[in-house]
Amino acid sequence: MKPKEILEEFVHAFNSADVEALVKLYSENAINHQVAEQPVEGHEAIRKMFADSFTETKMTCIVENMFEDGEWAIMEWRDPLGLRGCGFFHIVDSKIVFQRGYWDKLSFLRQHGLPVPQE
């Protein structure tokens, strides 16, 4: 599958809060680095990251733009509460091997009524 097709599957699984479908899109040793968080590596860490996130909040990804360039898929997104972000996905052999996401963690925490770190 092309990178953009993998990304479309990612969005569908994300919006369904389907942790197992998301994990299957990643290579065994994939790295997911949301820049507001520490990078996570491998299926178990990625599974835990998504499971914990979907337990804490209801998240929805509304795609604004999606691009493909070689082995990369790029997405600009927003959510129903107004948060915006973008993600870069390196996809090899139809698996995400690396993902980096940019979004405003402080706004996310406030919108979802989650505690704001005091550090």
PDB file of N, CA and C in Angstrom:
ATOM      1  N   MET A   1       0.827  -1.190   0.000  1.00  0.00           N
ATOM      2  CA  MET A   1       0.000   0.000   0.000  1.00  0.00           C
ATOM      3  C   MET A   1       0.873   1.257   0.000  1.00  0.00           C
ATOM      4  N   LYS A   2       0.342   2.286  -0.579  1.00  0.00           N
ATOM      5  CA  LYS A   2       1.050   3.561  -0.607  1.00  0.00           C
ATOM      6  C   LYS A   2       0.973   4.235   0.765  1.00  0.00           C
ATOM      7  N   PRO A   3       1.956   5.089   1.085  1.00  0.00           N
ATOM      8  CA  PRO A   3       1.954   5.771   2.377  1.00  0.00           C
ATOM      9  C   PRO A   3       0.641   6.509   2.681  1.00  0.00           C
ATOM     10  N   LYS A   4       0.081   7.176   1.697  1.00  0.00           N
ATOM     11  CA  LYS A   4      -1.164   7.909   1.935  1.00  0.00           C
ATOM     12  C   LYS A   4      -2.303   6.952   2.297  1.00  0.00           C
ATOM     13  N   GLU A   5      -2.329   5.773   1.700  1.00  0.00           N
ATOM     14  CA  GLU A   5      -3.357   4.784   2.027  1.00  0.00           C
ATOM     15  C   GLU A   5      -3.195   4.274   3.460  1.00  0.00           C
ATOM     16  N   ILE A   6      -1.954   4.078   3.882  1.00  0.00           N
ATOM     17  CA  ILE A   6      -1.696   3.669   5.270  1.00  0.00           C
ATOM     18  C   ILE A   6      -2.173   4.767   6.214  1.00  0.00           C
ATOM     19  N   LEU A   7      -1.898   6.006   5.877  1.00  0.00           N
ATOM     20  CA  LEU A   7      -2.314   7.123   6.716  1.00  0.00           C
ATOM     21  C   LEU A   7      -3.845   7.213   6.793  1.00  0.00           C
ATOM     22  N   GLU A   8      -4.527   6.962   5.688  1.00  0.00           N
ATOM     23  CA  GLU A   8      -5.990   6.949   5.707  1.00  0.00           C
ATOM     24  C   GLU A   8      -6.506   5.853   6.642  1.00  0.00           C
ATOM     25  N   GLU A   9      -5.864   4.683   6.637  1.00  0.00           N
ATOM     26  CA  GLU A   9      -6.234   3.612   7.570  1.00  0.00           C
ATOM     27  C   GLU A   9      -5.950   4.038   9.016  1.00  0.00           C
ATOM     28  N   PHE A  10      -4.838   4.731   9.222  1.00  0.00           N
ATOM     29  CA  PHE A  10      -4.487   5.232  10.546  1.00  0.00           C
ATOM     30  C   PHE A  10      -5.596   6.138  11.076  1.00  0.00           C
ATOM     31  N   VAL A  11      -6.042   7.088  10.259  1.00  0.00           N
ATOM     32  CA  VAL A  11      -7.081   8.035  10.686  1.00  0.00           C
ATOM     33  C   VAL A  11      -8.366   7.284  11.037  1.00  0.00           C
ATOM     34  N   HIS A  12      -8.746   6.327  10.224  1.00  0.00           N
ATOM     35  CA  HIS A  12      -9.961   5.550  10.500  1.00  0.00           C
ATOM     36  C   HIS A  12      -9.831   4.806  11.833  1.00  0.00           C
ATOM     37  N   ALA A  13      -8.706   4.134  12.055  1.00  0.00           N
ATOM     38  CA  ALA A  13      -8.493   3.395  13.302  1.00  0.00           C
ATOM     39  C   ALA A  13      -8.427   4.347  14.494  1.00  0.00           C
ATOM     40  N   PHE A  14      -7.764   5.487  14.331  1.00  0.00           N
ATOM     41  CA  PHE A  14      -7.660   6.479  15.402  1.00  0.00           C
ATOM     42  C   PHE A  14      -9.046   6.980  15.789  1.00  0.00           C
ATOM     43  N   ASN A  15      -9.849   7.347  14.800  1.00  0.00           N
ATOM     44  CA  ASN A  15     -11.179   7.885  15.088  1.00  0.00           C
ATOM     45  C   ASN A  15     -12.127   6.827  15.639  1.00  0.00           C
ATOM     46  N   SER A  16     -11.788   5.558  15.456  1.00  0.00           N
ATOM     47  CA  SER A  16     -12.560   4.458  16.035  1.00  0.00           C
ATOM     48  C   SER A  16     -11.999   4.034  17.388  1.00  0.00           C
ATOM     49  N   ALA A  17     -10.908   4.667  17.814  1.00  0.00           N
ATOM     50  CA  ALA A  17     -10.196   4.300  19.050  1.00  0.00           C
ATOM     51  C   ALA A  17      -9.850   2.811  19.042  1.00  0.00           C
ATOM     52  N   ASP A  18      -9.453   2.316  17.880  1.00  0.00           N
ATOM     53  CA  ASP A  18      -9.128   0.896  17.691  1.00  0.00           C
ATOM     54  C   ASP A  18      -7.625   0.700  17.871  1.00  0.00           C
ATOM     55  N   VAL A  19      -7.227   0.450  19.091  1.00  0.00           N
ATOM     56  CA  VAL A  19      -5.810   0.343  19.436  1.00  0.00           C
ATOM     57  C   VAL A  19      -5.128  -0.753  18.632  1.00  0.00           C
ATOM     58  N   GLU A  20      -5.742  -1.919  18.539  1.00  0.00           N
ATOM     59  CA  GLU A  20      -5.098  -3.040  17.838  1.00  0.00           C
ATOM     60  C   GLU A  20      -4.930  -2.750  16.349  1.00  0.00           C
ATOM     61  N   ALA A  21      -5.912  -2.117  15.730  1.00  0.00           N
ATOM     62  CA  ALA A  21      -5.778  -1.758  14.309  1.00  0.00           C
ATOM     63  C   ALA A  21      -4.646  -0.753  14.128  1.00  0.00           C
ATOM     64  N   LEU A  22      -4.506   0.176  15.066  1.00  0.00           N
ATOM     65  CA  LEU A  22      -3.406   1.142  14.989  1.00  0.00           C
ATOM     66  C   LEU A  22      -2.061   0.441  15.109  1.00  0.00           C
ATOM     67  N   VAL A  23      -1.919  -0.416  16.106  1.00  0.00           N
ATOM     68  CA  VAL A  23      -0.637  -1.097  16.333  1.00  0.00           C
ATOM     69  C   VAL A  23      -0.234  -1.908  15.108  1.00  0.00           C
ATOM     70  N   LYS A  24      -1.176  -2.534  14.437  1.00  0.00           N
ATOM     71  CA  LYS A  24      -0.877  -3.348  13.253  1.00  0.00           C
ATOM     72  C   LYS A  24      -0.302  -2.527  12.100  1.00  0.00           C
ATOM     73  N   LEU A  25      -0.510  -1.211  12.127  1.00  0.00           N
ATOM     74  CA  LEU A  25       0.010  -0.349  11.067  1.00  0.00           C
ATOM     75  C   LEU A  25       1.499  -0.039  11.245  1.00  0.00           C
ATOM     76  N   TYR A  26       2.037  -0.327  12.425  1.00  0.00           N
ATOM     77  CA  TYR A  26       3.434  -0.019  12.743  1.00  0.00           C
ATOM     78  C   TYR A  26       4.326  -1.242  12.570  1.00  0.00           C
ATOM     79  N   SER A  27       5.581  -1.000  12.187  1.00  0.00           N
ATOM     80  CA  SER A  27       6.564  -2.078  12.190  1.00  0.00           C
ATOM     81  C   SER A  27       6.865  -2.442  13.646  1.00  0.00           C
ATOM     82  N   GLU A  28       7.403  -3.617  13.859  1.00  0.00           N
ATOM     83  CA  GLU A  28       7.652  -4.126  15.218  1.00  0.00           C
ATOM     84  C   GLU A  28       8.501  -3.161  16.058  1.00  0.00           C
ATOM     85  N   ASN A  29       9.481  -2.507  15.452  1.00  0.00           N
ATOM     86  CA  ASN A  29      10.387  -1.615  16.192  1.00  0.00           C
ATOM     87  C   ASN A  29      10.147  -0.140  15.873  1.00  0.00           C
ATOM     88  N   ALA A  30       8.935   0.184  15.462  1.00  0.00           N
ATOM     89  CA  ALA A  30       8.605   1.564  15.091  1.00  0.00           C
ATOM     90  C   ALA A  30       8.800   2.514  16.266  1.00  0.00           C
ATOM     91  N   ILE A  31       9.026   3.774  15.920  1.00  0.00           N
ATOM     92  CA  ILE A  31       9.130   4.838  16.907  1.00  0.00           C
ATOM     93  C   ILE A  31       8.016   5.842  16.634  1.00  0.00           C
ATOM     94  N   ASN A  32       7.277   6.179  17.689  1.00  0.00           N
ATOM     95  CA  ASN A  32       6.261   7.222  17.609  1.00  0.00           C
ATOM     96  C   ASN A  32       6.715   8.333  18.547  1.00  0.00           C
ATOM     97  N   HIS A  33       7.009   9.488  17.970  1.00  0.00           N
ATOM     98  CA  HIS A  33       7.477  10.613  18.779  1.00  0.00           C
ATOM     99  C   HIS A  33       6.518  11.783  18.633  1.00  0.00           C
ATOM    100  N   GLN A  34       5.669  11.932  19.615  1.00  0.00           N
ATOM    101  CA  GLN A  34       4.856  13.137  19.731  1.00  0.00           C
ATOM    102  C   GLN A  34       5.736  14.124  20.478  1.00  0.00           C
ATOM    103  N   VAL A  35       6.097  15.230  19.830  1.00  0.00           N
ATOM    104  CA  VAL A  35       7.155  16.082  20.382  1.00  0.00           C
ATOM    105  C   VAL A  35       6.820  16.644  21.755  1.00  0.00           C
ATOM    106  N   ALA A  36       5.552  16.635  22.139  1.00  0.00           N
ATOM    107  CA  ALA A  36       5.181  17.079  23.480  1.00  0.00           C
ATOM    108  C   ALA A  36       5.415  15.984  24.520  1.00  0.00           C
ATOM    109  N   GLU A  37       5.818  14.807  24.074  1.00  0.00           N
ATOM    110  CA  GLU A  37       6.033  13.636  24.931  1.00  0.00           C
ATOM    111  C   GLU A  37       7.380  12.997  24.599  1.00  0.00           C
ATOM    112  N   GLN A  38       7.772  12.028  25.383  1.00  0.00           N
ATOM    113  CA  GLN A  38       8.971  11.252  25.078  1.00  0.00           C
ATOM    114  C   GLN A  38       8.642  10.259  23.963  1.00  0.00           C
ATOM    115  N   PRO A  39       9.601   9.939  23.089  1.00  0.00           N
ATOM    116  CA  PRO A  39       9.338   8.946  22.043  1.00  0.00           C
ATOM    117  C   PRO A  39       9.019   7.583  22.661  1.00  0.00           C
ATOM    118  N   VAL A  40       8.166   6.834  21.984  1.00  0.00           N
ATOM    119  CA  VAL A  40       7.889   5.458  22.379  1.00  0.00           C
ATOM    120  C   VAL A  40       8.315   4.553  21.241  1.00  0.00           C
ATOM    121  N   GLU A  41       8.820   3.367  21.593  1.00  0.00           N
ATOM    122  CA  GLU A  41       9.354   2.461  20.576  1.00  0.00           C
ATOM    123  C   GLU A  41       8.788   1.064  20.753  1.00  0.00           C
ATOM    124  N   GLY A  42       8.364   0.482  19.640  1.00  0.00           N
ATOM    125  CA  GLY A  42       7.893  -0.894  19.625  1.00  0.00           C
ATOM    126  C   GLY A  42       6.399  -1.026  19.854  1.00  0.00           C
ATOM    127  N   HIS A  43       5.883  -2.174  19.447  1.00  0.00           N
ATOM    128  CA  HIS A  43       4.441  -2.420  19.520  1.00  0.00           C
ATOM    129  C   HIS A  43       3.868  -2.252  20.922  1.00  0.00           C
ATOM    130  N   GLU A  44       4.523  -2.812  21.927  1.00  0.00           N
ATOM    131  CA  GLU A  44       3.947  -2.746  23.279  1.00  0.00           C
ATOM    132  C   GLU A  44       3.865  -1.313  23.785  1.00  0.00           C
ATOM    133  N   ALA A  45       4.897  -0.529  23.571  1.00  0.00           N
ATOM    134  CA  ALA A  45       4.892   0.859  24.029  1.00  0.00           C
ATOM    135  C   ALA A  45       3.872   1.687  23.247  1.00  0.00           C
ATOM    136  N   ILE A  46       3.774   1.451  21.953  1.00  0.00           N
ATOM    137  CA  ILE A  46       2.795   2.164  21.131  1.00  0.00           C
ATOM    138  C   ILE A  46       1.377   1.758  21.535  1.00  0.00           C
ATOM    139  N   ARG A  47       1.159   0.470  21.774  1.00  0.00           N
ATOM    140  CA  ARG A  47      -0.156  -0.009  22.237  1.00  0.00           C
ATOM    141  C   ARG A  47      -0.546   0.692  23.536  1.00  0.00           C
ATOM    142  N   LYS A  48       0.375   0.736  24.492  1.00  0.00           N
ATOM    143  CA  LYS A  48       0.102   1.376  25.783  1.00  0.00           C
ATOM    144  C   LYS A  48      -0.185   2.863  25.604  1.00  0.00           C
ATOM    145  N   MET A  49       0.582   3.530  24.766  1.00  0.00           N
ATOM    146  CA  MET A  49       0.383   4.959  24.531  1.00  0.00           C
ATOM    147  C   MET A  49      -1.035   5.224  24.034  1.00  0.00           C
ATOM    148  N   PHE A  50      -1.459   4.470  23.006  1.00  0.00           N
ATOM    149  CA  PHE A  50      -2.805   4.682  22.468  1.00  0.00           C
ATOM    150  C   PHE A  50      -3.875   4.262  23.471  1.00  0.00           C
ATOM    151  N   ALA A  51      -3.710   3.130  24.122  1.00  0.00           N
ATOM    152  CA  ALA A  51      -4.713   2.659  25.085  1.00  0.00           C
ATOM    153  C   ALA A  51      -4.891   3.682  26.210  1.00  0.00           C
ATOM    154  N   ASP A  52      -3.794   4.177  26.754  1.00  0.00           N
ATOM    155  CA  ASP A  52      -3.871   5.175  27.817  1.00  0.00           C
ATOM    156  C   ASP A  52      -4.544   6.463  27.321  1.00  0.00           C
ATOM    157  N   SER A  53      -4.179   6.896  26.135  1.00  0.00           N
ATOM    158  CA  SER A  53      -4.741   8.138  25.585  1.00  0.00           C
ATOM    159  C   SER A  53      -6.243   8.015  25.358  1.00  0.00           C
ATOM    160  N   PHE A  54      -6.685   6.891  24.795  1.00  0.00           N
ATOM    161  CA  PHE A  54      -8.111   6.719  24.522  1.00  0.00           C
ATOM    162  C   PHE A  54      -8.907   6.511  25.804  1.00  0.00           C
ATOM    163  N   THR A  55      -8.260   6.043  26.866  1.00  0.00           N
ATOM    164  CA  THR A  55      -8.931   5.898  28.155  1.00  0.00           C
ATOM    165  C   THR A  55      -9.145   7.266  28.797  1.00  0.00           C
ATOM    166  N   GLU A  56      -8.163   8.151  28.647  1.00  0.00           N
ATOM    167  CA  GLU A  56      -8.229   9.481  29.262  1.00  0.00           C
ATOM    168  C   GLU A  56      -9.189  10.424  28.558  1.00  0.00           C
ATOM    169  N   THR A  57      -9.228  10.369  27.223  1.00  0.00           N
ATOM    170  CA  THR A  57      -9.972  11.379  26.461  1.00  0.00           C
ATOM    171  C   THR A  57     -10.615  10.778  25.220  1.00  0.00           C
ATOM    172  N   LYS A  58     -11.612  11.487  24.723  1.00  0.00           N
ATOM    173  CA  LYS A  58     -12.192  11.166  23.415  1.00  0.00           C
ATOM    174  C   LYS A  58     -11.470  12.054  22.417  1.00  0.00           C
ATOM    175  N   MET A  59     -10.795  11.429  21.465  1.00  0.00           N
ATOM    176  CA  MET A  59     -10.038  12.194  20.480  1.00  0.00           C
ATOM    177  C   MET A  59     -10.584  11.904  19.085  1.00  0.00           C
ATOM    178  N   THR A  60     -10.617  12.948  18.266  1.00  0.00           N
ATOM    179  CA  THR A  60     -11.064  12.828  16.885  1.00  0.00           C
ATOM    180  C   THR A  60     -10.088  13.583  16.003  1.00  0.00           C
ATOM    181  N   CYS A  61      -9.698  12.947  14.911  1.00  0.00           N
ATOM    182  CA  CYS A  61      -8.777  13.549  13.949  1.00  0.00           C
ATOM    183  C   CYS A  61      -9.568  13.926  12.692  1.00  0.00           C
ATOM    184  N   ILE A  62      -9.638  15.216  12.422  1.00  0.00           N
ATOM    185  CA  ILE A  62     -10.283  15.712  11.208  1.00  0.00           C
ATOM    186  C   ILE A  62      -9.161  16.147  10.271  1.00  0.00           C
ATOM    187  N   VAL A  63      -9.028  15.457   9.168  1.00  0.00           N
ATOM    188  CA  VAL A  63      -7.935  15.729   8.233  1.00  0.00           C
ATOM    189  C   VAL A  63      -8.222  17.014   7.464  1.00  0.00           C
ATOM    190  N   GLU A  64      -7.243  17.904   7.474  1.00  0.00           N
ATOM    191  CA  GLU A  64      -7.343  19.133   6.693  1.00  0.00           C
ATOM    192  C   GLU A  64      -6.548  19.003   5.399  1.00  0.00           C
ATOM    193  N   ASN A  65      -5.376  18.413   5.489  1.00  0.00           N
ATOM    194  CA  ASN A  65      -4.540  18.173   4.308  1.00  0.00           C
ATOM    195  C   ASN A  65      -3.785  16.875   4.511  1.00  0.00           C
ATOM    196  N   MET A  66      -3.605  16.152   3.416  1.00  0.00           N
ATOM    197  CA  MET A  66      -2.828  14.920   3.463  1.00  0.00           C
ATOM    198  C   MET A  66      -1.974  14.873   2.197  1.00  0.00           C
ATOM    199  N   PHE A  67      -0.700  14.585   2.394  1.00  0.00           N
ATOM    200  CA  PHE A  67       0.239  14.573   1.289  1.00  0.00           C
ATOM    201  C   PHE A  67       1.067  13.291   1.330  1.00  0.00           C
ATOM    202  N   GLU A  68       1.619  12.954   0.198  1.00  0.00           N
ATOM    203  CA  GLU A  68       2.524  11.804   0.104  1.00  0.00           C
ATOM    204  C   GLU A  68       3.739  12.228  -0.706  1.00  0.00           C
ATOM    205  N   ASP A  69       4.912  11.833  -0.220  1.00  0.00           N
ATOM    206  CA  ASP A  69       6.149  12.120  -0.938  1.00  0.00           C
ATOM    207  C   ASP A  69       7.086  10.940  -0.732  1.00  0.00           C
ATOM    208  N   GLY A  70       7.201  10.083  -1.716  1.00  0.00           N
ATOM    209  CA  GLY A  70       8.051   8.899  -1.603  1.00  0.00           C
ATOM    210  C   GLY A  70       7.554   7.993  -0.495  1.00  0.00           C
ATOM    211  N   GLU A  71       8.404   7.747   0.500  1.00  0.00           N
ATOM    212  CA  GLU A  71       8.054   6.880   1.628  1.00  0.00           C
ATOM    213  C   GLU A  71       7.391   7.640   2.776  1.00  0.00           C
ATOM    214  N   TRP A  72       7.028   8.888   2.550  1.00  0.00           N
ATOM    215  CA  TRP A  72       6.469   9.720   3.619  1.00  0.00           C
ATOM    216  C   TRP A  72       5.022  10.092   3.327  1.00  0.00           C
ATOM    217  N   ALA A  73       4.225  10.091   4.390  1.00  0.00           N
ATOM    218  CA  ALA A  73       2.875  10.643   4.354  1.00  0.00           C
ATOM    219  C   ALA A  73       2.832  11.741   5.410  1.00  0.00           C
ATOM    220  N   ILE A  74       2.200  12.848   5.061  1.00  0.00           N
ATOM    221  CA  ILE A  74       2.161  14.014   5.936  1.00  0.00           C
ATOM    222  C   ILE A  74       0.705  14.445   6.077  1.00  0.00           C
ATOM    223  N   MET A  75       0.327  14.791   7.300  1.00  0.00           N
ATOM    224  CA  MET A  75      -1.056  15.170   7.539  1.00  0.00           C
ATOM    225  C   MET A  75      -1.128  16.414   8.420  1.00  0.00           C
ATOM    226  N   GLU A  76      -1.976  17.349   8.004  1.00  0.00           N
ATOM    227  CA  GLU A  76      -2.352  18.470   8.847  1.00  0.00           C
ATOM    228  C   GLU A  76      -3.756  18.157   9.346  1.00  0.00           C
ATOM    229  N   TRP A  77      -3.989  18.307  10.664  1.00  0.00           N
ATOM    230  CA  TRP A  77      -5.271  17.902  11.221  1.00  0.00           C
ATOM    231  C   TRP A  77      -5.779  18.926  12.228  1.00  0.00           C
ATOM    232  N   ARG A  78      -7.037  18.752  12.593  1.00  0.00           N
ATOM    233  CA  ARG A  78      -7.645  19.513  13.672  1.00  0.00           C
ATOM    234  C   ARG A  78      -8.595  18.576  14.400  1.00  0.00           C
ATOM    235  N   ASP A  79      -9.042  19.011  15.559  1.00  0.00           N
ATOM    236  CA  ASP A  79     -10.053  18.232  16.273  1.00  0.00           C
ATOM    237  C   ASP A  79     -11.275  19.116  16.488  1.00  0.00           C
ATOM    238  N   PRO A  80     -12.384  18.546  16.930  1.00  0.00           N
ATOM    239  CA  PRO A  80     -13.618  19.336  17.089  1.00  0.00           C
ATOM    240  C   PRO A  80     -13.507  20.474  18.104  1.00  0.00           C
ATOM    241  N   LEU A  81     -12.517  20.416  18.998  1.00  0.00           N
ATOM    242  CA  LEU A  81     -12.355  21.462  20.011  1.00  0.00           C
ATOM    243  C   LEU A  81     -11.455  22.605  19.542  1.00  0.00           C
ATOM    244  N   GLY A  82     -10.895  22.479  18.341  1.00  0.00           N
ATOM    245  CA  GLY A  82     -10.076  23.553  17.787  1.00  0.00           C
ATOM    246  C   GLY A  82      -8.580  23.328  17.838  1.00  0.00           C
ATOM    247  N   LEU A  83      -8.148  22.243  18.480  1.00  0.00           N
ATOM    248  CA  LEU A  83      -6.716  21.941  18.499  1.00  0.00           C
ATOM    249  C   LEU A  83      -6.266  21.600  17.079  1.00  0.00           C
ATOM    250  N   ARG A  84      -5.088  22.037  16.726  1.00  0.00           N
ATOM    251  CA  ARG A  84      -4.518  21.744  15.403  1.00  0.00           C
ATOM    252  C   ARG A  84      -3.145  21.131  15.578  1.00  0.00           C
ATOM    253  N   GLY A  85      -2.757  20.340  14.580  1.00  0.00           N
ATOM    254  CA  GLY A  85      -1.439  19.738  14.609  1.00  0.00           C
ATOM    255  C   GLY A  85      -1.076  19.173  13.262  1.00  0.00           C
ATOM    256  N   CYS A  86       0.077  18.547  13.214  1.00  0.00           N
ATOM    257  CA  CYS A  86       0.502  17.885  11.984  1.00  0.00           C
ATOM    258  C   CYS A  86       1.322  16.655  12.354  1.00  0.00           C
ATOM    259  N   GLY A  87       1.357  15.719  11.439  1.00  0.00           N
ATOM    260  CA  GLY A  87       2.097  14.491  11.664  1.00  0.00           C
ATOM    261  C   GLY A  87       2.866  14.083  10.425  1.00  0.00           C
ATOM    262  N   PHE A  88       4.018  13.504  10.649  1.00  0.00           N
ATOM    263  CA  PHE A  88       4.887  13.014   9.587  1.00  0.00           C
ATOM    264  C   PHE A  88       5.091  11.520   9.817  1.00  0.00           C
ATOM    265  N   PHE A  89       4.829  10.717   8.806  1.00  0.00           N
ATOM    266  CA  PHE A  89       4.858   9.263   8.912  1.00  0.00           C
ATOM    267  C   PHE A  89       5.819   8.704   7.864  1.00  0.00           C
ATOM    268  N   HIS A  90       6.876   8.040   8.297  1.00  0.00           N
ATOM    269  CA  HIS A  90       7.794   7.354   7.392  1.00  0.00           C
ATOM    270  C   HIS A  90       7.291   5.921   7.276  1.00  0.00           C
ATOM    271  N   ILE A  91       6.954   5.522   6.068  1.00  0.00           N
ATOM    272  CA  ILE A  91       6.315   4.233   5.842  1.00  0.00           C
ATOM    273  C   ILE A  91       7.161   3.416   4.867  1.00  0.00           C
ATOM    274  N   VAL A  92       7.544   2.223   5.332  1.00  0.00           N
ATOM    275  CA  VAL A  92       8.364   1.312   4.528  1.00  0.00           C
ATOM    276  C   VAL A  92       7.650  -0.041   4.495  1.00  0.00           C
ATOM    277  N   ASP A  93       7.502  -0.596   3.301  1.00  0.00           N
ATOM    278  CA  ASP A  93       6.835  -1.899   3.148  1.00  0.00           C
ATOM    279  C   ASP A  93       5.468  -1.908   3.831  1.00  0.00           C
ATOM    280  N   SER A  94       4.711  -0.838   3.626  1.00  0.00           N
ATOM    281  CA  SER A  94       3.336  -0.706   4.132  1.00  0.00           C
ATOM    282  C   SER A  94       3.234  -0.697   5.653  1.00  0.00           C
ATOM    283  N   LYS A  95       4.318  -0.337   6.345  1.00  0.00           N
ATOM    284  CA  LYS A  95       4.309  -0.230   7.805  1.00  0.00           C
ATOM    285  C   LYS A  95       4.913   1.108   8.212  1.00  0.00           C
ATOM    286  N   ILE A  96       4.337   1.704   9.250  1.00  0.00           N
ATOM    287  CA  ILE A  96       4.902   2.936   9.802  1.00  0.00           C
ATOM    288  C   ILE A  96       6.151   2.554  10.592  1.00  0.00           C
ATOM    289  N   VAL A  97       7.288   3.116  10.204  1.00  0.00           N
ATOM    290  CA  VAL A  97       8.530   2.850  10.929  1.00  0.00           C
ATOM    291  C   VAL A  97       8.898   4.016  11.843  1.00  0.00           C
ATOM    292  N   PHE A  98       8.381   5.197  11.514  1.00  0.00           N
ATOM    293  CA  PHE A  98       8.656   6.380  12.326  1.00  0.00           C
ATOM    294  C   PHE A  98       7.508   7.361  12.158  1.00  0.00           C
ATOM    295  N   GLN A  99       7.097   7.942  13.258  1.00  0.00           N
ATOM    296  CA  GLN A  99       6.060   8.969  13.241  1.00  0.00           C
ATOM    297  C   GLN A  99       6.477  10.094  14.163  1.00  0.00           C
ATOM    298  N   ARG A 100       6.273  11.320  13.709  1.00  0.00           N
ATOM    299  CA  ARG A 100       6.506  12.482  14.560  1.00  0.00           C
ATOM    300  C   ARG A 100       5.288  13.384  14.459  1.00  0.00           C
ATOM    301  N   GLY A 101       4.769  13.798  15.611  1.00  0.00           N
ATOM    302  CA  GLY A 101       3.587  14.656  15.635  1.00  0.00           C
ATOM    303  C   GLY A 101       3.839  15.932  16.408  1.00  0.00           C
ATOM    304  N   TYR A 102       3.272  17.012  15.911  1.00  0.00           N
ATOM    305  CA  TYR A 102       3.398  18.330  16.530  1.00  0.00           C
ATOM    306  C   TYR A 102       2.013  18.854  16.880  1.00  0.00           C
ATOM    307  N   TRP A 103       1.809  19.215  18.152  1.00  0.00           N
ATOM    308  CA  TRP A 103       0.548  19.764  18.631  1.00  0.00           C
ATOM    309  C   TRP A 103       0.804  20.445  19.968  1.00  0.00           C
ATOM    310  N   ASP A 104      -0.128  21.262  20.400  1.00  0.00           N
ATOM    311  CA  ASP A 104       0.029  22.051  21.616  1.00  0.00           C
ATOM    312  C   ASP A 104      -0.515  21.266  22.813  1.00  0.00           C
ATOM    313  N   LYS A 105       0.376  20.713  23.607  1.00  0.00           N
ATOM    314  CA  LYS A 105      -0.024  19.881  24.742  1.00  0.00           C
ATOM    315  C   LYS A 105      -0.796  20.682  25.798  1.00  0.00           C
ATOM    316  N   LEU A 106      -0.396  21.897  26.085  1.00  0.00           N
ATOM    317  CA  LEU A 106      -1.085  22.702  27.083  1.00  0.00           C
ATOM    318  C   LEU A 106      -2.547  22.925  26.684  1.00  0.00           C
ATOM    319  N   SER A 107      -2.779  23.290  25.431  1.00  0.00           N
ATOM    320  CA  SER A 107      -4.158  23.465  24.959  1.00  0.00           C
ATOM    321  C   SER A 107      -4.937  22.162  25.063  1.00  0.00           C
ATOM    322  N   PHE A 108      -4.313  21.048  24.683  1.00  0.00           N
ATOM    323  CA  PHE A 108      -4.964  19.737  24.759  1.00  0.00           C
ATOM    324  C   PHE A 108      -5.387  19.430  26.196  1.00  0.00           C
ATOM    325  N   LEU A 109      -4.481  19.597  27.148  1.00  0.00           N
ATOM    326  CA  LEU A 109      -4.787  19.314  28.546  1.00  0.00           C
ATOM    327  C   LEU A 109      -5.938  20.189  29.052  1.00  0.00           C
ATOM    328  N   ARG A 110      -5.889  21.461  28.740  1.00  0.00           N
ATOM    329  CA  ARG A 110      -6.948  22.376  29.187  1.00  0.00           C
ATOM    330  C   ARG A 110      -8.298  22.021  28.561  1.00  0.00           C
ATOM    331  N   GLN A 111      -8.309  21.720  27.270  1.00  0.00           N
ATOM    332  CA  GLN A 111      -9.564  21.392  26.585  1.00  0.00           C
ATOM    333  C   GLN A 111     -10.233  20.145  27.152  1.00  0.00           C
ATOM    334  N   HIS A 112      -9.419  19.207  27.621  1.00  0.00           N
ATOM    335  CA  HIS A 112      -9.952  17.941  28.125  1.00  0.00           C
ATOM    336  C   HIS A 112     -10.058  17.900  29.651  1.00  0.00           C
ATOM    337  N   GLY A 113      -9.790  19.034  30.303  1.00  0.00           N
ATOM    338  CA  GLY A 113      -9.906  19.104  31.754  1.00  0.00           C
ATOM    339  C   GLY A 113      -8.909  18.219  32.479  1.00  0.00           C
ATOM    340  N   LEU A 114      -7.753  18.016  31.865  1.00  0.00           N
ATOM    341  CA  LEU A 114      -6.702  17.199  32.469  1.00  0.00           C
ATOM    342  C   LEU A 114      -5.741  18.096  33.247  1.00  0.00           C
ATOM    343  N   PRO A 115      -5.054  17.543  34.241  1.00  0.00           N
ATOM    344  CA  PRO A 115      -4.131  18.355  35.041  1.00  0.00           C
ATOM    345  C   PRO A 115      -2.993  18.924  34.198  1.00  0.00           C
ATOM    346  N   VAL A 116      -2.656  20.144  34.493  1.00  0.00           N
ATOM    347  CA  VAL A 116      -1.545  20.826  33.816  1.00  0.00           C
ATOM    348  C   VAL A 116      -0.318  20.699  34.712  1.00  0.00           C
ATOM    349  N   PRO A 117       0.786  20.135  34.199  1.00  0.00           N
ATOM    350  CA  PRO A 117       2.003  20.011  35.023  1.00  0.00           C
ATOM    351  C   PRO A 117       2.455  21.379  35.533  1.00  0.00           C
ATOM    352  N   GLN A 118       2.954  21.413  36.751  1.00  0.00           N
ATOM    353  CA  GLN A 118       3.372  22.670  37.374  1.00  0.00           C
ATOM    354  C   GLN A 118       4.863  22.944  37.216  1.00  0.00           C
ATOM    355  N   GLU A 119       5.576  22.129  36.489  1.00  0.00           N
ATOM    356  CA  GLU A 119       7.024  22.308  36.317  1.00  0.00           C
ATOM    357  C   GLU A 119       7.342  23.375  35.326  1.00  0.00           C
TER     358      GLU A 119
END
